[in-house]
Structures are given as structure tokens and as C-alpha cells.
Amino acid sequence: MIKGRIRTKLFVGLLILFACSRTGLTQVDTLALRPMNEATSFGFGNYQLKDTYLSPFIYRGWGGRILNERITRLQSKFSRQRMIGVDLATTKNPAENVNDFGIFVDYSHAYHYHVFDGNDFNILAGASAYIMGGFIYNTRNGNNPLSAKADISLSFSLMLLYTLWINDAPVIFRYQGILPFAGVFFAPPYGASYYEMFNEGNLSDVLALNSFHNKLDVKNYLTVDIPIYTQTLRLGYLFSYYTSDVHSIQTRIFSNTFMIGWVKEFYLK
């Protein structure tokens, strides 16, 4: 148990399990390197899409998500986190005779400060840069069937970690909340034609600053890392809520996704 707690103080902030025993590094070698945690997860859940540029209704359905995450412990009390995700969703209107298809790609680059590093509990707080792009496609609209999405934001980020010991094996629970507070996004005026914007160069008023007055974007991510022999299984739940109201166009992208994946742990020089 004592040996396990020493390992956890080094890795728990990064969710790195059993790295010392698997790599065979001595304590001196370990401290000279940067531990890194990488996980790739796949998810499935329910989605809601609404874009009044295309339709006034909320479309409901199902979708999937692929998420790759890397966390690297830097020198001193900082960690770097990189996340890239891809969402695919298919939804129907209330009458179930029209479809909305959504494809979104997002990337975030965050730095966290280890506010508190305990034996079994850790608190990390920081900020991230966030980029999102994609589109919603409506099968009914003929002239303007597509609504493009692009968003660049700065976000607050909070991470809480708790280690539960089961037979000297650490099972690590994590909560992470991400809240963008300022940025800029693609927001053409209501009724604007994509043909006029991109073929004729009419790009006036297509960008808008965003903050809490016209956009709310919240992500809550729960994970548990379970060691299984020499591997680590990750189970997770991701709640994502994105809504904006600008230029008389309301957008809503909502999802509840259950995730499963595998974790790799290694060292960087």
C-alpha cells in the first residue's frame, strides 16, 4: 500500500496507473522524465440539434463520439492536456419525416495548475484554448440545406481526482468541467446565403464575439480508470451542452454520451 501511494502521488493528476512497475524505471529515472497518459475512447448516446437557420424545431436522435486525450505532467506543479473529439449525429424532427445530420470536430489545449496534491485526492484548475468546427445538414431545405459552425474560445477548466484502493490497485475517478467564457464564432445574419458569402465574397457581419450574453457551452466529463492486469480500462460519461443566440439565429447542440476506451501510460524525456 505504501509503495502504491508513492506511485500515486507522482501520477494521479495524470491518471497514470502502474507506470513505474511496467517500465522498470528507478525512482531517480522517473523523476527525470515526464509521465504521460493517453486514452482513446468511443461513445454512443442521445443527441439534440436545433438551428433556426434551417428549422425552428428541435431534432432528436442518436450519435457517436471518438475522443483522444493526452495529459502530460510538466515540471513543477503544471500539467498539459490535449483533447480532440469527433461527433456524428443523426436526428429527426417531431413529425419524424425530416432529418438533421450533424458532424463536429473539436480540439482543446489546456494547462492546469495542481492546486492540491494529496495521497488520494487532487484538485487541478486552469484554462484552455478551444476550437470547434462542423455543420448541421437538413434533408428538407433545398436552397440552404446546411448550417456551418466554427468557434474559437478561451475556457475555464476544473479537474477533481480521487483514488480508491482495491487490493493495492488504484481505481481513479475523475470529474472535469469546462466552461468557455470568451471567443469568436461564425454567425452569419438570418437569411444570409452561403452562395453570396463564399461565391460572391459577401462576408460582412459573419463573425461575432461570444461570451455568456450570447453563448453557453458547458462540458461535464466523468471517468473511472480501472486497472485490469497490465491494461487500464476507461469508462466515462460526457454531458455536452452548446447553445447560442446571435443575429436572430438560435443554435442548440446537446448530447449525453457514454464512453469506453483504453489508457496507455508512458514517459517522455
C-alpha atoms as a PDB file:
ATOM      1  CA  MET A   1       0.000   0.000   0.000  1.00  0.00           C
ATOM      2  CA  ILE A   2       2.826   2.411   0.856  1.00  0.00           C
ATOM      3  CA  LYS A   3       4.556   1.710  -2.441  1.00  0.00           C
ATOM      4  CA  GLY A   4       1.286   2.258  -4.278  1.00  0.00           C
ATOM      5  CA  ARG A   5       0.674   5.594  -2.560  1.00  0.00           C
ATOM      6  CA  ILE A   6       4.134   6.828  -3.537  1.00  0.00           C
ATOM      7  CA  ARG A   7       3.374   5.981  -7.173  1.00  0.00           C
ATOM      8  CA  THR A   8       0.012   7.721  -6.995  1.00  0.00           C
ATOM      9  CA  LYS A   9       1.477  10.998  -5.745  1.00  0.00           C
ATOM     10  CA  LEU A  10       3.602  11.021  -8.881  1.00  0.00           C
ATOM     11  CA  PHE A  11       0.917  10.049 -11.405  1.00  0.00           C
ATOM     12  CA  VAL A  12      -2.573  10.805 -10.036  1.00  0.00           C
ATOM     13  CA  GLY A  13      -3.188  14.145 -11.764  1.00  0.00           C
ATOM     14  CA  LEU A  14      -2.329  12.404 -14.984  1.00  0.00           C
ATOM     15  CA  LEU A  15      -4.370   9.264 -14.416  1.00  0.00           C
ATOM     16  CA  ILE A  16      -1.234   7.136 -14.972  1.00  0.00           C
ATOM     17  CA  LEU A  17      -1.574   3.662 -13.480  1.00  0.00           C
ATOM     18  CA  PHE A  18       1.236   1.205 -12.747  1.00  0.00           C
ATOM     19  CA  ALA A  19       3.755   3.026 -14.952  1.00  0.00           C
ATOM     20  CA  CYS A  20       6.630   2.505 -12.569  1.00  0.00           C
ATOM     21  CA  SER A  21       6.226  -1.259 -12.367  1.00  0.00           C
ATOM     22  CA  ARG A  22       5.660  -1.691 -16.123  1.00  0.00           C
ATOM     23  CA  THR A  23       8.580   0.412 -17.335  1.00  0.00           C
ATOM     24  CA  GLY A  24      11.021  -0.795 -14.698  1.00  0.00           C
ATOM     25  CA  LEU A  25      12.334   2.725 -14.067  1.00  0.00           C
ATOM     26  CA  THR A  26      14.005   3.614 -10.808  1.00  0.00           C
ATOM     27  CA  GLN A  27      12.726   6.490  -8.721  1.00  0.00           C
ATOM     28  CA  VAL A  28      15.601   8.723  -9.917  1.00  0.00           C
ATOM     29  CA  ASP A  29      14.893   7.886 -13.580  1.00  0.00           C
ATOM     30  CA  THR A  30      11.168   8.506 -13.104  1.00  0.00           C
ATOM     31  CA  LEU A  31      11.611  11.953 -11.624  1.00  0.00           C
ATOM     32  CA  ALA A  32      13.863  12.949 -14.537  1.00  0.00           C
ATOM     33  CA  LEU A  33      11.142  12.138 -17.088  1.00  0.00           C
ATOM     34  CA  ARG A  34       7.649  13.453 -17.765  1.00  0.00           C
ATOM     35  CA  PRO A  35       4.860  10.900 -17.249  1.00  0.00           C
ATOM     36  CA  MET A  36       2.211  10.932 -19.954  1.00  0.00           C
ATOM     37  CA  ASN A  37      -1.273   9.459 -20.048  1.00  0.00           C
ATOM     38  CA  GLU A  38      -3.102   8.844 -23.342  1.00  0.00           C
ATOM     39  CA  ALA A  39      -6.616   7.469 -23.756  1.00  0.00           C
ATOM     40  CA  THR A  40      -8.772   6.810 -26.799  1.00  0.00           C
ATOM     41  CA  SER A  41     -12.483   6.370 -26.091  1.00  0.00           C
ATOM     42  CA  PHE A  42     -15.579   5.634 -28.137  1.00  0.00           C
ATOM     43  CA  GLY A  43     -19.043   6.753 -27.109  1.00  0.00           C
ATOM     44  CA  PHE A  44     -22.708   6.496 -28.002  1.00  0.00           C
ATOM     45  CA  GLY A  45     -25.707   8.435 -26.724  1.00  0.00           C
ATOM     46  CA  ASN A  46     -28.657  10.674 -27.439  1.00  0.00           C
ATOM     47  CA  TYR A  47     -28.336  13.993 -29.285  1.00  0.00           C
ATOM     48  CA  GLN A  48     -30.486  17.069 -29.827  1.00  0.00           C
ATOM     49  CA  LEU A  49     -29.887  19.517 -32.675  1.00  0.00           C
ATOM     50  CA  LYS A  50     -31.577  22.842 -33.310  1.00  0.00           C
ATOM     51  CA  ASP A  51     -30.630  25.579 -35.748  1.00  0.00           C
ATOM     52  CA  THR A  52     -33.272  28.141 -36.635  1.00  0.00           C
ATOM     53  CA  TYR A  53     -31.359  28.981 -39.807  1.00  0.00           C
ATOM     54  CA  LEU A  54     -32.618  25.588 -41.007  1.00  0.00           C
ATOM     55  CA  SER A  55     -35.731  24.872 -38.926  1.00  0.00           C
ATOM     56  CA  PRO A  56     -37.468  26.172 -35.788  1.00  0.00           C
ATOM     57  CA  PHE A  57     -37.811  22.661 -34.330  1.00  0.00           C
ATOM     58  CA  ILE A  58     -35.594  20.590 -32.051  1.00  0.00           C
ATOM     59  CA  TYR A  59     -34.410  17.411 -33.774  1.00  0.00           C
ATOM     60  CA  ARG A  60     -33.766  14.391 -31.549  1.00  0.00           C
ATOM     61  CA  GLY A  61     -31.832  11.231 -32.237  1.00  0.00           C
ATOM     62  CA  TRP A  62     -28.615   9.326 -31.639  1.00  0.00           C
ATOM     63  CA  GLY A  63     -24.956   9.773 -32.295  1.00  0.00           C
ATOM     64  CA  GLY A  64     -21.425   8.660 -31.570  1.00  0.00           C
ATOM     65  CA  ARG A  65     -18.203  10.271 -30.452  1.00  0.00           C
ATOM     66  CA  ILE A  66     -14.494   9.441 -30.716  1.00  0.00           C
ATOM     67  CA  LEU A  67     -12.263  11.143 -28.163  1.00  0.00           C
ATOM     68  CA  ASN A  68      -8.482  11.121 -27.844  1.00  0.00           C
ATOM     69  CA  GLU A  69      -6.935  12.678 -24.763  1.00  0.00           C
ATOM     70  CA  ARG A  70      -3.346  13.240 -23.671  1.00  0.00           C
ATOM     71  CA  ILE A  71      -2.230  14.543 -20.288  1.00  0.00           C
ATOM     72  CA  THR A  72       1.443  15.273 -19.631  1.00  0.00           C
ATOM     73  CA  ARG A  73       2.907  16.224 -16.274  1.00  0.00           C
ATOM     74  CA  LEU A  74       5.234  19.168 -16.786  1.00  0.00           C
ATOM     75  CA  GLN A  75       7.897  20.452 -14.451  1.00  0.00           C
ATOM     76  CA  SER A  76       6.805  21.947 -11.120  1.00  0.00           C
ATOM     77  CA  LYS A  77       3.041  21.798 -10.491  1.00  0.00           C
ATOM     78  CA  PHE A  78       1.629  22.110 -14.001  1.00  0.00           C
ATOM     79  CA  SER A  79       0.042  19.630 -16.393  1.00  0.00           C
ATOM     80  CA  ARG A  80      -0.827  19.943 -20.078  1.00  0.00           C
ATOM     81  CA  GLN A  81      -3.969  18.402 -21.538  1.00  0.00           C
ATOM     82  CA  ARG A  82      -4.850  17.957 -25.205  1.00  0.00           C
ATOM     83  CA  MET A  83      -8.215  16.640 -26.341  1.00  0.00           C
ATOM     84  CA  ILE A  84      -9.576  16.058 -29.835  1.00  0.00           C
ATOM     85  CA  GLY A  85     -13.055  14.736 -30.494  1.00  0.00           C
ATOM     86  CA  VAL A  86     -15.309  13.915 -33.430  1.00  0.00           C
ATOM     87  CA  ASP A  87     -19.115  13.804 -33.153  1.00  0.00           C
ATOM     88  CA  LEU A  88     -21.523  12.238 -35.659  1.00  0.00           C
ATOM     89  CA  ALA A  89     -25.263  12.568 -35.056  1.00  0.00           C
ATOM     90  CA  THR A  90     -28.471  11.722 -36.893  1.00  0.00           C
ATOM     91  CA  THR A  91     -31.725  13.235 -35.641  1.00  0.00           C
ATOM     92  CA  LYS A  92     -35.378  13.621 -36.680  1.00  0.00           C
ATOM     93  CA  ASN A  93     -37.941  16.404 -36.326  1.00  0.00           C
ATOM     94  CA  PRO A  94     -41.016  15.912 -34.081  1.00  0.00           C
ATOM     95  CA  ALA A  95     -43.034  14.550 -37.044  1.00  0.00           C
ATOM     96  CA  GLU A  96     -40.154  12.147 -37.840  1.00  0.00           C
ATOM     97  CA  ASN A  97     -40.259  12.927 -41.558  1.00  0.00           C
ATOM     98  CA  VAL A  98     -37.158  15.179 -41.826  1.00  0.00           C
ATOM     99  CA  ASN A  99     -33.575  14.524 -40.715  1.00  0.00           C
ATOM    100  CA  ASP A 100     -30.813  16.699 -39.378  1.00  0.00           C
ATOM    101  CA  PHE A 101     -27.296  15.289 -39.668  1.00  0.00           C
ATOM    102  CA  GLY A 102     -24.507  16.783 -37.601  1.00  0.00           C
ATOM    103  CA  ILE A 103     -20.730  16.425 -37.874  1.00  0.00           C
ATOM    104  CA  PHE A 104     -18.477  18.302 -35.432  1.00  0.00           C
ATOM    105  CA  VAL A 105     -14.749  18.269 -34.684  1.00  0.00           C
ATOM    106  CA  ASP A 106     -13.310  19.953 -31.594  1.00  0.00           C
ATOM    107  CA  TYR A 107      -9.827  20.429 -30.159  1.00  0.00           C
ATOM    108  CA  SER A 108      -8.717  21.867 -26.830  1.00  0.00           C
ATOM    109  CA  HIS A 109      -5.281  22.640 -25.429  1.00  0.00           C
ATOM    110  CA  ALA A 110      -5.266  23.232 -21.673  1.00  0.00           C
ATOM    111  CA  TYR A 111      -2.819  23.918 -18.874  1.00  0.00           C
ATOM    112  CA  HIS A 112      -3.737  23.046 -15.297  1.00  0.00           C
ATOM    113  CA  TYR A 113      -2.137  24.062 -12.015  1.00  0.00           C
ATOM    114  CA  HIS A 114      -2.119  21.417  -9.287  1.00  0.00           C
ATOM    115  CA  VAL A 115      -3.882  23.384  -6.565  1.00  0.00           C
ATOM    116  CA  PHE A 116      -3.849  20.433  -4.168  1.00  0.00           C
ATOM    117  CA  ASP A 117      -1.938  17.145  -4.484  1.00  0.00           C
ATOM    118  CA  GLY A 118      -2.911  14.702  -1.759  1.00  0.00           C
ATOM    119  CA  ASN A 119      -2.385  10.971  -1.425  1.00  0.00           C
ATOM    120  CA  ASP A 120      -5.844  10.099  -2.732  1.00  0.00           C
ATOM    121  CA  PHE A 121      -7.433  13.407  -3.742  1.00  0.00           C
ATOM    122  CA  ASN A 122      -6.263  16.060  -6.191  1.00  0.00           C
ATOM    123  CA  ILE A 123      -7.571  19.412  -7.410  1.00  0.00           C
ATOM    124  CA  LEU A 124      -6.406  20.957 -10.709  1.00  0.00           C
ATOM    125  CA  ALA A 125      -7.539  24.298 -12.134  1.00  0.00           C
ATOM    126  CA  GLY A 126      -6.587  26.093 -15.302  1.00  0.00           C
ATOM    127  CA  ALA A 127      -7.591  27.408 -18.708  1.00  0.00           C
ATOM    128  CA  SER A 128      -7.766  26.106 -22.263  1.00  0.00           C
ATOM    129  CA  ALA A 129      -7.983  27.255 -25.861  1.00  0.00           C
ATOM    130  CA  TYR A 130     -10.875  25.582 -27.686  1.00  0.00           C
ATOM    131  CA  ILE A 131     -11.596  25.207 -31.406  1.00  0.00           C
ATOM    132  CA  MET A 132     -14.761  23.681 -32.854  1.00  0.00           C
ATOM    133  CA  GLY A 133     -15.924  23.270 -36.444  1.00  0.00           C
ATOM    134  CA  GLY A 134     -18.614  21.358 -38.275  1.00  0.00           C
ATOM    135  CA  PHE A 135     -22.072  21.620 -39.764  1.00  0.00           C
ATOM    136  CA  ILE A 136     -25.728  20.640 -39.484  1.00  0.00           C
ATOM    137  CA  TYR A 137     -27.374  19.357 -42.668  1.00  0.00           C
ATOM    138  CA  ASN A 138     -31.156  19.373 -43.123  1.00  0.00           C
ATOM    139  CA  THR A 139     -32.681  16.966 -45.664  1.00  0.00           C
ATOM    140  CA  ARG A 140     -35.722  19.152 -46.458  1.00  0.00           C
ATOM    141  CA  ASN A 141     -34.236  22.559 -47.226  1.00  0.00           C
ATOM    142  CA  GLY A 142     -33.390  22.967 -50.891  1.00  0.00           C
ATOM    143  CA  ASN A 143     -31.672  26.354 -51.227  1.00  0.00           C
ATOM    144  CA  ASN A 144     -29.883  26.429 -47.864  1.00  0.00           C
ATOM    145  CA  PRO A 145     -29.711  22.867 -46.510  1.00  0.00           C
ATOM    146  CA  LEU A 146     -26.547  23.374 -44.459  1.00  0.00           C
ATOM    147  CA  SER A 147     -25.547  25.494 -41.483  1.00  0.00           C
ATOM    148  CA  ALA A 148     -21.805  25.723 -40.824  1.00  0.00           C
ATOM    149  CA  LYS A 149     -20.330  26.008 -37.325  1.00  0.00           C
ATOM    150  CA  ALA A 150     -16.953  27.431 -36.303  1.00  0.00           C
ATOM    151  CA  ASP A 151     -15.961  28.597 -32.840  1.00  0.00           C
ATOM    152  CA  ILE A 152     -12.700  29.661 -31.162  1.00  0.00           C
ATOM    153  CA  SER A 153     -12.913  30.250 -27.414  1.00  0.00           C
ATOM    154  CA  LEU A 154     -10.995  30.531 -24.167  1.00  0.00           C
ATOM    155  CA  SER A 155     -12.298  28.349 -21.356  1.00  0.00           C
ATOM    156  CA  PHE A 156     -12.084  27.745 -17.631  1.00  0.00           C
ATOM    157  CA  SER A 157     -11.252  24.164 -16.651  1.00  0.00           C
ATOM    158  CA  LEU A 158     -11.520  22.354 -13.303  1.00  0.00           C
ATOM    159  CA  MET A 159     -10.446  18.771 -12.611  1.00  0.00           C
ATOM    160  CA  LEU A 160     -11.039  16.681  -9.472  1.00  0.00           C
ATOM    161  CA  LEU A 161      -9.435  13.264  -8.963  1.00  0.00           C
ATOM    162  CA  TYR A 162      -9.999  10.626  -6.314  1.00  0.00           C
ATOM    163  CA  THR A 163      -8.139   7.313  -5.936  1.00  0.00           C
ATOM    164  CA  LEU A 164      -9.925   4.285  -4.492  1.00  0.00           C
ATOM    165  CA  TRP A 165      -7.603   1.454  -3.466  1.00  0.00           C
ATOM    166  CA  ILE A 166      -8.740  -2.100  -4.160  1.00  0.00           C
ATOM    167  CA  ASN A 167      -6.135  -4.747  -3.247  1.00  0.00           C
ATOM    168  CA  ASP A 168      -3.298  -2.236  -3.711  1.00  0.00           C
ATOM    169  CA  ALA A 169      -4.626  -1.347  -7.177  1.00  0.00           C
ATOM    170  CA  PRO A 170      -5.661   2.304  -7.728  1.00  0.00           C
ATOM    171  CA  VAL A 171      -9.057   2.880  -9.342  1.00  0.00           C
ATOM    172  CA  ILE A 172      -9.073   6.567 -10.300  1.00  0.00           C
ATOM    173  CA  PHE A 173     -12.254   8.634 -10.526  1.00  0.00           C
ATOM    174  CA  ARG A 174     -12.193  11.970 -12.332  1.00  0.00           C
ATOM    175  CA  TYR A 175     -14.566  14.858 -12.838  1.00  0.00           C
ATOM    176  CA  GLN A 176     -13.739  17.649 -15.281  1.00  0.00           C
ATOM    177  CA  GLY A 177     -15.806  20.721 -16.009  1.00  0.00           C
ATOM    178  CA  ILE A 178     -15.074  23.026 -18.970  1.00  0.00           C
ATOM    179  CA  LEU A 179     -16.745  26.418 -19.412  1.00  0.00           C
ATOM    180  CA  PRO A 180     -15.809  28.810 -22.274  1.00  0.00           C
ATOM    181  CA  PHE A 181     -16.011  32.476 -21.301  1.00  0.00           C
ATOM    182  CA  ALA A 182     -14.879  34.463 -24.373  1.00  0.00           C
ATOM    183  CA  GLY A 183     -14.256  33.927 -28.054  1.00  0.00           C
ATOM    184  CA  VAL A 184     -15.362  34.487 -31.616  1.00  0.00           C
ATOM    185  CA  PHE A 185     -17.597  32.357 -33.843  1.00  0.00           C
ATOM    186  CA  PHE A 186     -19.020  32.127 -37.320  1.00  0.00           C
ATOM    187  CA  ALA A 187     -22.505  33.631 -37.109  1.00  0.00           C
ATOM    188  CA  PRO A 188     -23.984  34.853 -40.423  1.00  0.00           C
ATOM    189  CA  PRO A 189     -27.134  37.004 -40.289  1.00  0.00           C
ATOM    190  CA  TYR A 190     -30.512  35.328 -40.582  1.00  0.00           C
ATOM    191  CA  GLY A 191     -31.423  34.802 -44.221  1.00  0.00           C
ATOM    192  CA  ALA A 192     -27.857  35.186 -45.482  1.00  0.00           C
ATOM    193  CA  SER A 193     -26.995  32.937 -48.413  1.00  0.00           C
ATOM    194  CA  TYR A 194     -23.917  30.755 -48.330  1.00  0.00           C
ATOM    195  CA  TYR A 195     -23.647  31.247 -52.085  1.00  0.00           C
ATOM    196  CA  GLU A 196     -23.416  35.003 -51.612  1.00  0.00           C
ATOM    197  CA  MET A 197     -20.942  34.622 -48.754  1.00  0.00           C
ATOM    198  CA  PHE A 198     -18.456  32.288 -50.387  1.00  0.00           C
ATOM    199  CA  ASN A 199     -19.030  32.726 -54.127  1.00  0.00           C
ATOM    200  CA  GLU A 200     -19.619  36.464 -54.235  1.00  0.00           C
ATOM    201  CA  GLY A 201     -17.488  37.375 -51.203  1.00  0.00           C
ATOM    202  CA  ASN A 202     -20.266  38.965 -49.154  1.00  0.00           C
ATOM    203  CA  LEU A 203     -18.728  38.244 -45.742  1.00  0.00           C
ATOM    204  CA  SER A 204     -19.989  41.252 -43.795  1.00  0.00           C
ATOM    205  CA  ASP A 205     -21.173  40.505 -40.249  1.00  0.00           C
ATOM    206  CA  VAL A 206     -20.404  36.772 -40.458  1.00  0.00           C
ATOM    207  CA  LEU A 207     -18.211  36.826 -37.336  1.00  0.00           C
ATOM    208  CA  ALA A 208     -19.331  37.726 -33.834  1.00  0.00           C
ATOM    209  CA  LEU A 209     -17.732  37.912 -30.416  1.00  0.00           C
ATOM    210  CA  ASN A 210     -19.187  35.480 -27.918  1.00  0.00           C
ATOM    211  CA  SER A 211     -19.447  35.243 -24.174  1.00  0.00           C
ATOM    212  CA  PHE A 212     -22.157  34.423 -21.645  1.00  0.00           C
ATOM    213  CA  HIS A 213     -24.537  37.017 -23.112  1.00  0.00           C
ATOM    214  CA  ASN A 214     -24.993  35.084 -26.376  1.00  0.00           C
ATOM    215  CA  LYS A 215     -23.483  31.638 -25.838  1.00  0.00           C
ATOM    216  CA  LEU A 216     -23.438  28.950 -23.164  1.00  0.00           C
ATOM    217  CA  ASP A 217     -21.142  25.998 -23.700  1.00  0.00           C
ATOM    218  CA  VAL A 218     -20.755  23.511 -20.844  1.00  0.00           C
ATOM    219  CA  LYS A 219     -18.978  20.175 -20.759  1.00  0.00           C
ATOM    220  CA  ASN A 220     -19.037  17.813 -17.771  1.00  0.00           C
ATOM    221  CA  TYR A 221     -16.837  14.747 -18.089  1.00  0.00           C
ATOM    222  CA  LEU A 222     -16.785  11.834 -15.633  1.00  0.00           C
ATOM    223  CA  THR A 223     -14.331   8.948 -15.971  1.00  0.00           C
ATOM    224  CA  VAL A 224     -13.144   5.955 -13.986  1.00  0.00           C
ATOM    225  CA  ASP A 225      -9.880   4.187 -14.836  1.00  0.00           C
ATOM    226  CA  ILE A 226      -9.870   0.513 -13.860  1.00  0.00           C
ATOM    227  CA  PRO A 227      -6.618  -1.493 -13.944  1.00  0.00           C
ATOM    228  CA  ILE A 228      -7.016  -4.956 -15.497  1.00  0.00           C
ATOM    229  CA  TYR A 229      -3.765  -6.929 -15.335  1.00  0.00           C
ATOM    230  CA  THR A 230      -1.303  -4.853 -17.409  1.00  0.00           C
ATOM    231  CA  GLN A 231      -4.024  -2.779 -19.108  1.00  0.00           C
ATOM    232  CA  THR A 232      -6.297   0.042 -17.960  1.00  0.00           C
ATOM    233  CA  LEU A 233      -9.956   0.291 -18.943  1.00  0.00           C
ATOM    234  CA  ARG A 234     -11.655   3.686 -19.017  1.00  0.00           C
ATOM    235  CA  LEU A 235     -15.395   4.111 -18.543  1.00  0.00           C
ATOM    236  CA  GLY A 236     -16.881   7.564 -18.882  1.00  0.00           C
ATOM    237  CA  TYR A 237     -19.880   9.820 -19.303  1.00  0.00           C
ATOM    238  CA  LEU A 238     -19.798  13.108 -21.212  1.00  0.00           C
ATOM    239  CA  PHE A 239     -22.525  15.721 -20.935  1.00  0.00           C
ATOM    240  CA  SER A 240     -22.188  18.444 -23.564  1.00  0.00           C
ATOM    241  CA  TYR A 241     -24.490  21.454 -23.903  1.00  0.00           C
ATOM    242  CA  TYR A 242     -23.895  24.149 -26.524  1.00  0.00           C
ATOM    243  CA  THR A 243     -26.393  26.924 -27.171  1.00  0.00           C
ATOM    244  CA  SER A 244     -26.091  30.319 -28.847  1.00  0.00           C
ATOM    245  CA  ASP A 245     -28.407  33.151 -29.851  1.00  0.00           C
ATOM    246  CA  VAL A 246     -26.917  35.680 -32.253  1.00  0.00           C
ATOM    247  CA  HIS A 247     -28.144  37.518 -35.377  1.00  0.00           C
ATOM    248  CA  SER A 248     -31.661  36.110 -34.770  1.00  0.00           C
ATOM    249  CA  ILE A 249     -30.379  32.530 -35.144  1.00  0.00           C
ATOM    250  CA  GLN A 250     -30.635  30.092 -32.270  1.00  0.00           C
ATOM    251  CA  THR A 251     -28.381  27.042 -32.151  1.00  0.00           C
ATOM    252  CA  ARG A 252     -28.523  24.106 -29.776  1.00  0.00           C
ATOM    253  CA  ILE A 253     -26.230  21.070 -29.756  1.00  0.00           C
ATOM    254  CA  PHE A 254     -26.908  18.773 -26.821  1.00  0.00           C
ATOM    255  CA  SER A 255     -25.584  15.278 -26.082  1.00  0.00           C
ATOM    256  CA  ASN A 256     -25.397  12.631 -23.368  1.00  0.00           C
ATOM    257  CA  THR A 257     -22.661  10.171 -24.309  1.00  0.00           C
ATOM    258  CA  PHE A 258     -21.428   7.047 -22.535  1.00  0.00           C
ATOM    259  CA  MET A 259     -17.766   6.333 -23.261  1.00  0.00           C
ATOM    260  CA  ILE A 260     -15.468   3.317 -23.147  1.00  0.00           C
ATOM    261  CA  GLY A 261     -11.779   3.170 -24.007  1.00  0.00           C
ATOM    262  CA  TRP A 262      -8.243   2.110 -23.114  1.00  0.00           C
ATOM    263  CA  VAL A 263      -5.481   4.033 -21.389  1.00  0.00           C
ATOM    264  CA  LYS A 264      -1.762   3.966 -22.175  1.00  0.00           C
ATOM    265  CA  GLU A 265       0.917   5.259 -19.806  1.00  0.00           C
ATOM    266  CA  PHE A 266       4.495   6.065 -20.723  1.00  0.00           C
ATOM    267  CA  TYR A 267       7.291   8.579 -20.148  1.00  0.00           C
ATOM    268  CA  LEU A 268       8.621  11.479 -22.219  1.00  0.00           C
ATOM    269  CA  LYS A 269      12.139  12.875 -21.983  1.00  0.00           C
END
